[in-house]
């Protein structure tokens, strides 16, 4: 027995827990079952209206499940092994590799599941369903060890779920823990909803402002559709001083921690115009930068696009963090002239019609899509006055600023949740 502060702890197989908590496995406090898939060849087993929710792995997001994209009929229940599970059933994904196994959800309606899901009907006198779901989410990492050690394919079985360890505080404390973390989840969901809605607003603004401009009443047909009568259409080659691609150095010329010049790869690009250099950063020396990789030099304000996919069309503007950067051969540089605003170009490259234009013309192999520099040069662009470009950018940036602020709030909430889970599920903080 160990005492920390005023809390006494005891040792278990998964670490220290409070003296008054118990350690067991899922199977000792729940009944387990799995589902099945009705024959797809029989359309009378499925319906879009009425019937019953039918849960698949992709319906499991860690939260409550009220509705599903597919539904099954009474006939499916009567003629197949599909069975309805009651509300408050916890579901765990068993198949689909490490990205899928361990995904969870809680039924809030009667529903059937497919065979890839293990259904957990907890004994509510011993285990709170919401607490159980939270425990499974916090300990999802354990499935990787179980799947890796038990079989070649990264799947788990119903018996693995049955044997999965769980710590049980007293039932009233389970409910309090679940309530606290659920309140944080609600805040996270609301923040994410704001982000999603703002993204939709931004997409509408992109389409409206980049093709119709501000305050125009007369329009004309063009290579990019209807545009204001006073606008022109140009190609990227006409408005850019440089369009080129990078070069890939030898592995021994790259450093993950040290170097003079940051080296940008496709994983550092995003779909919203920003560079994410925290994703697998790499560096090269100034000597290599100025000699072997001279053609790959890029500067703050350059617009980058990946020309090898899928997916194509990740766009980033080179930030001011370093005076010079470098890029690999899967990335192209657009360096606009003084008549074309850098951010306006970046926003145009984010539009669906540009992505469609590139996709239709890209060279495709079995595993890749490729854009040539010639295609990049031929890309048609709207050409408003520079002053209107700048005003359009300001309006689009306002949506980006809101998204950035909400993303920061989301990060803070997720950090709070992780801290609370660590404290509450270990008993370091009692409620």
Protein backbone atom coordinates (compact mmCIF):
# COMPACT_ATOMS: atom_id res chain seq x y z
CA UNK A 1 0.00 0.00 0.00
CA UNK A 2 1.27 3.48 -0.92
CA UNK A 3 -0.12 6.79 0.28
CA UNK A 4 0.08 9.95 -1.82
CA UNK A 5 -1.32 12.93 0.03
CA UNK A 6 -4.54 11.77 1.64
CA UNK A 7 -5.17 9.00 -0.93
CA UNK A 8 -4.01 5.42 -0.35
CA UNK A 9 -3.03 3.40 -3.43
CA UNK A 10 -2.56 -0.27 -4.16
CA UNK A 11 -0.58 -1.94 -6.93
CA UNK A 12 -2.31 -3.76 -9.84
CA UNK A 13 -1.19 -5.25 -13.16
CA UNK A 14 -1.73 -1.90 -14.85
CA UNK A 15 -0.32 0.30 -12.11
CA UNK A 16 -1.39 2.01 -8.90
CA UNK A 17 -5.08 2.63 -8.19
CA UNK A 18 -6.87 3.98 -5.11
CA UNK A 19 -7.37 1.50 -2.28
CA UNK A 20 -11.18 1.53 -2.64
CA UNK A 21 -11.15 0.93 -6.42
CA UNK A 22 -11.23 -2.54 -7.95
CA UNK A 23 -9.38 -4.03 -10.92
CA UNK A 24 -11.06 -6.53 -13.23
CA UNK A 25 -11.78 -7.21 -16.92
CA UNK A 26 -14.66 -6.21 -19.19
CA UNK A 27 -16.08 -9.74 -19.31
CA UNK A 28 -16.66 -9.84 -15.53
CA UNK A 29 -18.99 -6.83 -15.61
CA UNK A 30 -20.64 -7.13 -19.04
CA UNK A 31 -22.20 -9.51 -21.55
CA UNK A 32 -20.58 -9.53 -24.99
CA UNK A 33 -21.92 -10.25 -28.45
CA UNK A 34 -21.21 -9.40 -32.09
CA UNK A 35 -23.36 -8.71 -35.12
CA UNK A 36 -23.59 -9.76 -38.74
CA UNK A 37 -24.13 -8.39 -42.24
CA UNK A 38 -27.32 -9.28 -44.14
CA UNK A 39 -26.82 -10.42 -47.72
CA UNK A 40 -26.21 -7.37 -49.88
CA UNK A 41 -27.77 -9.20 -52.80
CA UNK A 42 -31.18 -9.06 -51.08
CA UNK A 43 -32.42 -5.45 -51.28
CA UNK A 44 -35.37 -6.22 -48.99
CA UNK A 45 -32.92 -6.46 -46.07
CA UNK A 46 -31.99 -2.77 -46.32
CA UNK A 47 -33.96 0.46 -46.28
CA UNK A 48 -33.47 4.23 -46.13
CA UNK A 49 -36.59 5.11 -44.15
CA UNK A 50 -37.90 3.21 -41.15
CA UNK A 51 -36.30 -0.02 -40.06
CA UNK A 52 -33.41 -0.05 -37.61
CA UNK A 53 -30.00 1.56 -37.39
CA UNK A 54 -27.20 -0.78 -38.48
CA UNK A 55 -23.78 0.16 -37.14
CA UNK A 56 -20.47 -0.28 -38.95
CA UNK A 57 -16.96 0.56 -37.80
CA UNK A 58 -17.00 3.96 -39.53
CA UNK A 59 -20.03 4.94 -37.46
CA UNK A 60 -17.93 4.69 -34.30
CA UNK A 61 -16.45 8.05 -33.33
CA UNK A 62 -16.13 7.64 -29.57
CA UNK A 63 -19.44 9.40 -28.97
CA UNK A 64 -23.16 8.64 -28.91
CA UNK A 65 -24.71 6.85 -31.90
CA UNK A 66 -28.26 7.93 -32.75
CA UNK A 67 -28.35 7.35 -36.50
CA UNK A 68 -26.45 5.45 -39.18
CA UNK A 69 -26.02 5.82 -42.93
CA UNK A 70 -27.49 2.35 -43.50
CA UNK A 71 -30.60 0.77 -41.98
CA UNK A 72 -31.97 -2.77 -41.99
CA UNK A 73 -35.54 -4.07 -42.14
CA UNK A 74 -37.65 -6.35 -39.95
CA UNK A 75 -37.12 -9.01 -42.61
CA UNK A 76 -33.35 -8.83 -42.05
CA UNK A 77 -33.86 -9.31 -38.32
CA UNK A 78 -36.20 -12.25 -38.89
CA UNK A 79 -34.21 -14.07 -41.57
CA UNK A 80 -30.58 -13.39 -40.62
CA UNK A 81 -28.44 -13.52 -37.49
CA UNK A 82 -28.71 -9.75 -37.00
CA UNK A 83 -30.00 -8.86 -33.56
CA UNK A 84 -30.96 -5.57 -31.93
CA UNK A 85 -28.85 -4.20 -29.10
CA UNK A 86 -30.44 -2.00 -26.43
CA UNK A 87 -29.59 1.66 -25.83
CA UNK A 88 -26.46 2.19 -23.69
CA UNK A 89 -24.69 -0.71 -25.42
CA UNK A 90 -21.01 0.08 -25.91
CA UNK A 91 -19.51 -0.91 -29.25
CA UNK A 92 -15.86 -1.68 -30.01
CA UNK A 93 -14.38 -2.10 -33.50
CA UNK A 94 -12.49 -5.40 -33.85
CA UNK A 95 -11.34 -5.39 -37.50
CA UNK A 96 -9.67 -3.05 -39.93
CA UNK A 97 -6.10 -2.70 -38.75
CA UNK A 98 -4.53 -0.42 -36.18
CA UNK A 99 -6.35 2.66 -37.49
CA UNK A 100 -9.72 1.05 -36.80
CA UNK A 101 -9.50 -1.42 -33.93
CA UNK A 102 -10.58 0.00 -30.61
CA UNK A 103 -12.88 2.67 -32.03
CA UNK A 104 -15.90 2.99 -29.77
CA UNK A 105 -19.42 4.37 -29.58
CA UNK A 106 -22.47 4.18 -27.32
CA UNK A 107 -25.89 3.31 -28.71
CA UNK A 108 -28.66 5.75 -27.84
CA UNK A 109 -31.25 3.82 -29.87
CA UNK A 110 -31.96 0.17 -30.55
CA UNK A 111 -29.60 -0.94 -33.31
CA UNK A 112 -27.90 -3.91 -34.91
CA UNK A 113 -24.22 -4.04 -35.84
CA UNK A 114 -22.06 -5.83 -38.35
CA UNK A 115 -19.66 -8.65 -37.45
CA UNK A 116 -16.69 -6.30 -37.10
CA UNK A 117 -18.11 -4.83 -33.89
CA UNK A 118 -18.16 -6.27 -30.38
CA UNK A 119 -21.19 -5.15 -28.38
CA UNK A 120 -20.77 -4.66 -24.62
CA UNK A 121 -23.94 -4.77 -22.50
CA UNK A 122 -22.64 -3.66 -19.09
CA UNK A 123 -24.02 -4.61 -15.68
CA UNK A 124 -25.23 -1.16 -14.67
CA UNK A 125 -25.03 -2.07 -10.98
CA UNK A 126 -21.27 -2.33 -11.37
CA UNK A 127 -20.27 -0.29 -14.40
CA UNK A 128 -21.52 3.00 -15.82
CA UNK A 129 -21.69 2.80 -19.67
CA UNK A 130 -20.30 6.30 -20.21
CA UNK A 131 -17.42 5.61 -17.83
CA UNK A 132 -16.70 2.35 -19.65
CA UNK A 133 -16.58 4.16 -23.00
CA UNK A 134 -14.24 6.81 -21.58
CA UNK A 135 -11.99 4.10 -20.15
CA UNK A 136 -11.81 2.31 -23.51
CA UNK A 137 -10.97 5.56 -25.32
CA UNK A 138 -8.23 6.46 -22.83
CA UNK A 139 -6.73 2.96 -23.05
CA UNK A 140 -7.14 2.38 -26.78
CA UNK A 141 -3.35 2.13 -27.12
CA UNK A 142 -3.48 -1.22 -25.32
CA UNK A 143 -5.23 -2.86 -28.30
CA UNK A 144 -2.13 -2.46 -30.45
CA UNK A 145 -0.10 -4.66 -28.13
CA UNK A 146 -2.90 -7.21 -27.88
CA UNK A 147 -3.45 -7.40 -31.65
CA UNK A 148 0.25 -7.46 -32.46
CA UNK A 149 1.04 -10.23 -30.03
CA UNK A 150 -1.93 -12.48 -30.72
CA UNK A 151 -2.06 -12.76 -34.51
CA UNK A 152 -0.50 -11.69 -37.81
CA UNK A 153 -3.43 -9.52 -38.88
CA UNK A 154 -3.94 -6.43 -36.70
CA UNK A 155 -7.44 -7.39 -35.55
CA UNK A 156 -8.87 -8.21 -32.13
CA UNK A 157 -11.47 -10.78 -31.07
CA UNK A 158 -14.44 -10.86 -28.75
CA UNK A 159 -12.26 -12.79 -26.31
CA UNK A 160 -9.71 -9.97 -26.40
CA UNK A 161 -12.49 -7.53 -25.47
CA UNK A 162 -13.68 -9.86 -22.74
CA UNK A 163 -10.18 -9.96 -21.20
CA UNK A 164 -9.55 -6.22 -21.56
CA UNK A 165 -8.54 -4.70 -18.18
CA UNK A 166 -10.70 -2.05 -16.52
CA UNK A 167 -10.44 -0.15 -13.25
CA UNK A 168 -13.68 0.37 -11.34
CA UNK A 169 -14.13 3.28 -8.97
CA UNK A 170 -17.29 3.17 -6.83
CA UNK A 171 -20.32 3.55 -9.12
CA UNK A 172 -21.21 7.11 -7.95
CA UNK A 173 -17.64 8.19 -8.73
CA UNK A 174 -17.80 6.55 -12.16
CA UNK A 175 -20.86 8.63 -12.93
CA UNK A 176 -19.18 11.86 -11.73
CA UNK A 177 -16.06 11.14 -13.81
CA UNK A 178 -18.22 10.50 -16.88
CA UNK A 179 -20.24 13.68 -16.30
CA UNK A 180 -17.12 15.86 -15.98
CA UNK A 181 -15.50 14.50 -19.12
CA UNK A 182 -18.79 14.54 -21.04
CA UNK A 183 -19.11 18.27 -20.34
CA UNK A 184 -15.67 18.81 -21.89
CA UNK A 185 -16.70 16.64 -24.85
CA UNK A 186 -19.76 18.83 -25.38
CA UNK A 187 -17.56 21.93 -25.47
CA UNK A 188 -15.22 20.19 -27.93
CA UNK A 189 -18.16 19.20 -30.15
CA UNK A 190 -19.56 22.75 -30.14
CA UNK A 191 -16.16 24.23 -31.02
CA UNK A 192 -15.67 21.70 -33.82
CA UNK A 193 -19.13 22.55 -35.16
CA UNK A 194 -18.16 26.24 -35.32
CA UNK A 195 -14.95 25.32 -37.16
CA UNK A 196 -16.84 23.14 -39.64
CA UNK A 197 -19.43 25.84 -40.28
CA UNK A 198 -16.77 28.52 -40.74
CA UNK A 199 -15.00 26.28 -43.27
CA UNK A 200 -18.30 26.04 -45.20
CA UNK A 201 -18.67 29.82 -45.09
CA UNK A 202 -15.11 30.23 -46.31
CA UNK A 203 -15.71 27.87 -49.24
CA UNK A 204 -18.74 29.91 -50.23
CA UNK A 205 -16.72 33.11 -49.97
CA UNK A 206 -13.92 31.60 -52.08
CA UNK A 207 -16.31 30.82 -54.88
CA UNK A 208 -18.12 34.13 -54.69
CA UNK A 209 -15.24 36.56 -54.23
CA UNK A 210 -12.73 34.90 -56.57
CA UNK A 211 -15.11 34.73 -59.50
CA UNK A 212 -17.58 37.61 -58.91
CA UNK A 213 -15.41 40.07 -57.01
CA UNK A 214 -16.71 42.96 -54.93
CA UNK A 215 -19.54 45.23 -56.02
CA UNK A 216 -19.62 44.28 -59.72
CA UNK A 217 -22.87 44.28 -61.68
CA UNK A 218 -21.70 43.45 -65.21
CA UNK A 219 -20.15 40.08 -66.05
CA UNK A 220 -18.70 38.25 -69.04
CA UNK A 221 -17.92 34.69 -70.03
CA UNK A 222 -14.30 33.58 -69.71
CA UNK A 223 -12.07 30.52 -69.58
CA UNK A 224 -12.85 30.23 -65.86
CA UNK A 225 -16.58 30.97 -66.15
CA UNK A 226 -18.40 34.23 -65.58
CA UNK A 227 -16.23 37.00 -64.19
CA UNK A 228 -16.65 40.76 -63.79
CA UNK A 229 -16.53 42.62 -67.08
CA UNK A 230 -13.49 44.65 -65.99
CA UNK A 231 -11.45 41.58 -65.02
CA UNK A 232 -9.08 39.71 -67.29
CA UNK A 233 -7.91 36.10 -67.33
CA UNK A 234 -4.23 35.25 -67.38
CA UNK A 235 -2.16 32.11 -67.00
CA UNK A 236 0.06 31.40 -64.03
CA UNK A 237 3.04 31.62 -66.36
CA UNK A 238 2.05 35.18 -67.30
CA UNK A 239 1.72 36.51 -63.75
CA UNK A 240 4.57 34.59 -62.10
CA UNK A 241 8.24 35.46 -62.33
CA UNK A 242 9.12 31.85 -61.53
CA UNK A 243 7.44 28.46 -61.64
CA UNK A 244 9.76 25.59 -60.85
CA UNK A 245 10.06 22.51 -58.67
CA UNK A 246 12.50 21.32 -56.05
CA UNK A 247 15.18 18.67 -55.80
CA UNK A 248 15.55 15.85 -53.32
CA UNK A 249 18.90 15.59 -51.50
CA UNK A 250 20.55 12.36 -50.44
CA UNK A 251 19.37 10.95 -47.11
CA UNK A 252 22.72 11.69 -45.47
CA UNK A 253 22.29 15.38 -46.36
CA UNK A 254 19.09 15.70 -44.32
CA UNK A 255 18.91 16.28 -40.58
CA UNK A 256 15.81 15.99 -38.38
CA UNK A 257 17.18 18.28 -35.69
CA UNK A 258 20.02 20.43 -36.95
CA UNK A 259 20.78 22.48 -40.05
CA UNK A 260 20.86 25.95 -41.49
CA UNK A 261 17.98 25.75 -43.94
CA UNK A 262 14.53 24.19 -43.33
CA UNK A 263 13.62 21.62 -45.96
CA UNK A 264 9.95 21.36 -46.92
CA UNK A 265 8.32 18.09 -47.96
CA UNK A 266 4.74 17.29 -49.02
CA UNK A 267 3.73 16.33 -45.47
CA UNK A 268 4.47 19.91 -44.42
CA UNK A 269 1.90 21.34 -46.85
CA UNK A 270 -1.80 21.71 -45.98
CA UNK A 271 -5.07 22.33 -47.79
CA UNK A 272 -5.69 25.72 -46.15
CA UNK A 273 -2.69 27.70 -47.34
CA UNK A 274 -0.57 27.31 -44.21
CA UNK A 275 2.72 25.52 -43.76
CA UNK A 276 2.94 22.93 -40.97
CA UNK A 277 6.66 22.61 -40.34
CA UNK A 278 6.04 20.80 -37.05
CA UNK A 279 5.17 17.71 -39.11
CA UNK A 280 8.44 15.79 -39.56
CA UNK A 281 10.77 18.81 -39.80
CA UNK A 282 14.03 18.42 -41.74
CA UNK A 283 17.04 20.63 -42.40
CA UNK A 284 19.95 20.91 -44.82
CA UNK A 285 23.24 22.78 -44.63
CA UNK A 286 23.81 26.17 -46.26
CA UNK A 287 26.49 24.58 -48.46
CA UNK A 288 24.07 22.02 -49.94
CA UNK A 289 21.36 24.68 -50.19
CA UNK A 290 23.54 26.98 -52.30
CA UNK A 291 25.13 24.29 -54.46
CA UNK A 292 23.34 21.02 -55.19
CA UNK A 293 19.86 22.33 -54.27
CA UNK A 294 20.18 25.85 -55.69
CA UNK A 295 17.13 25.47 -57.97
CA UNK A 296 15.05 24.45 -54.92
CA UNK A 297 15.58 27.72 -53.01
CA UNK A 298 12.31 29.27 -51.92
CA UNK A 299 11.58 32.48 -50.05
CA UNK A 300 8.89 33.89 -47.76
CA UNK A 301 5.79 34.71 -49.81
CA UNK A 302 6.33 31.95 -52.39
CA UNK A 303 3.25 29.79 -52.99
CA UNK A 304 3.87 26.04 -52.88
CA UNK A 305 1.76 23.21 -54.29
CA UNK A 306 2.41 19.48 -54.30
CA UNK A 307 2.63 18.15 -57.86
CA UNK A 308 2.82 14.48 -56.89
CA UNK A 309 -0.16 12.79 -55.29
CA UNK A 310 -2.64 11.61 -54.34
CA UNK A 311 -3.92 13.86 -53.07
CA UNK A 312 -2.95 16.75 -55.32
CA UNK A 313 -3.52 20.35 -54.40
CA UNK A 314 -1.98 20.87 -50.96
CA UNK A 315 -1.20 24.58 -50.85
CA UNK A 316 1.04 26.58 -48.52
CA UNK A 317 2.48 30.07 -48.49
CA UNK A 318 6.09 30.12 -47.30
CA UNK A 319 6.10 32.01 -43.96
CA UNK A 320 8.58 34.55 -42.59
CA UNK A 321 10.15 32.19 -40.01
CA UNK A 322 13.36 31.79 -42.06
CA UNK A 323 14.95 34.00 -44.70
CA UNK A 324 15.30 31.06 -47.10
CA UNK A 325 13.79 27.57 -47.35
CA UNK A 326 14.19 24.58 -49.64
CA UNK A 327 11.76 22.06 -51.19
CA UNK A 328 11.78 18.56 -52.65
CA UNK A 329 10.93 17.47 -56.19
CA UNK A 330 7.27 16.73 -55.36
CA UNK A 331 6.60 20.44 -54.74
CA UNK A 332 6.34 23.33 -57.19
CA UNK A 333 7.01 27.02 -56.49
CA UNK A 334 4.75 29.80 -57.78
CA UNK A 335 6.47 33.17 -57.34
CA UNK A 336 4.05 35.89 -58.51
CA UNK A 337 5.15 39.22 -59.93
CA UNK A 338 4.27 42.55 -58.33
CA UNK A 339 0.94 42.67 -60.24
CA UNK A 340 -0.41 39.62 -58.46
CA UNK A 341 -0.97 39.26 -54.73
CA UNK A 342 0.63 36.16 -53.21
CA UNK A 343 -2.26 35.38 -50.89
CA UNK A 344 -4.81 35.95 -53.66
CA UNK A 345 -2.97 33.32 -55.72
CA UNK A 346 -2.92 30.92 -52.76
CA UNK A 347 -6.68 31.32 -52.26
CA UNK A 348 -7.33 30.74 -55.97
CA UNK A 349 -5.30 27.54 -55.86
CA UNK A 350 -7.54 26.32 -53.00
CA UNK A 351 -10.75 26.53 -55.04
CA UNK A 352 -12.48 23.31 -56.16
CA UNK A 353 -12.38 24.35 -59.82
CA UNK A 354 -8.56 24.59 -59.73
CA UNK A 355 -8.29 21.20 -58.08
CA UNK A 356 -10.65 19.78 -60.72
CA UNK A 357 -8.63 21.45 -63.49
CA UNK A 358 -5.41 19.86 -62.21
CA UNK A 359 -7.03 16.47 -61.57
CA UNK A 360 -8.44 16.20 -65.09
CA UNK A 361 -5.08 17.01 -66.68
CA UNK A 362 -2.70 15.19 -64.35
CA UNK A 363 -0.68 12.22 -65.51
CA UNK A 364 -1.96 9.14 -63.74
CA UNK A 365 -0.26 5.87 -62.96
CA UNK A 366 -1.47 3.00 -60.83
CA UNK A 367 -0.35 4.68 -57.64
CA UNK A 368 0.37 8.33 -58.47
CA UNK A 369 -0.91 11.53 -60.00
CA UNK A 370 1.62 13.96 -61.36
CA UNK A 371 1.48 17.57 -62.52
CA UNK A 372 4.04 18.95 -64.95
CA UNK A 373 5.50 22.42 -64.69
CA UNK A 374 3.97 23.10 -68.10
CA UNK A 375 0.50 22.42 -66.68
CA UNK A 376 1.25 24.67 -63.73
CA UNK A 377 2.22 27.45 -66.13
CA UNK A 378 -0.97 27.00 -68.19
CA UNK A 379 -3.32 27.24 -65.18
CA UNK A 380 -5.86 30.05 -65.87
CA UNK A 381 -6.22 32.72 -63.18
CA UNK A 382 -8.65 35.59 -62.61
CA UNK A 383 -6.94 38.96 -62.94
CA UNK A 384 -8.67 41.73 -60.98
CA UNK A 385 -6.90 44.96 -60.15
CA UNK A 386 -4.26 44.62 -57.46
CA UNK A 387 -6.32 46.76 -55.07
CA UNK A 388 -9.33 44.47 -55.47
CA UNK A 389 -7.14 41.40 -54.99
CA UNK A 390 -5.95 42.83 -51.67
CA UNK A 391 -9.51 43.63 -50.53
CA UNK A 392 -10.69 40.12 -51.44
CA UNK A 393 -7.79 38.67 -49.45
CA UNK A 394 -8.77 40.74 -46.40
CA UNK A 395 -12.32 39.33 -46.46
CA UNK A 396 -11.13 35.75 -46.84
CA UNK A 397 -8.55 36.19 -44.10
CA UNK A 398 -11.27 37.17 -41.65
CA UNK A 399 -12.72 33.65 -42.00
CA UNK A 400 -9.25 32.16 -41.60
CA UNK A 401 -8.65 34.22 -38.45
CA UNK A 402 -11.86 32.86 -36.95
CA UNK A 403 -10.89 29.29 -37.87
CA UNK A 404 -7.44 29.79 -36.32
CA UNK A 405 -8.96 31.14 -33.09
CA UNK A 406 -11.41 28.24 -32.82
CA UNK A 407 -8.64 25.74 -33.58
CA UNK A 408 -6.59 27.17 -30.71
CA UNK A 409 -9.62 26.85 -28.44
CA UNK A 410 -10.07 23.27 -29.62
CA UNK A 411 -6.44 22.43 -28.86
CA UNK A 412 -6.83 23.89 -25.37
CA UNK A 413 -10.00 21.87 -24.73
CA UNK A 414 -8.36 18.64 -25.93
CA UNK A 415 -5.38 19.34 -23.69
CA UNK A 416 -7.72 19.93 -20.76
CA UNK A 417 -9.52 16.67 -21.50
CA UNK A 418 -6.26 14.69 -21.64
CA UNK A 419 -5.19 16.13 -18.30
CA UNK A 420 -8.55 15.40 -16.70
CA UNK A 421 -8.58 11.84 -18.03
CA UNK A 422 -5.11 11.23 -16.65
CA UNK A 423 -6.07 12.60 -13.23
CA UNK A 424 -9.57 11.14 -12.92
CA UNK A 425 -8.96 7.67 -14.38
CA UNK A 426 -5.94 7.07 -12.17
CA UNK A 427 -7.57 8.35 -8.99
CA UNK A 428 -4.98 11.08 -8.45
CA UNK A 429 -7.94 13.45 -8.30
CA UNK A 430 -11.08 12.16 -6.56
CA UNK A 431 -14.59 13.41 -7.23
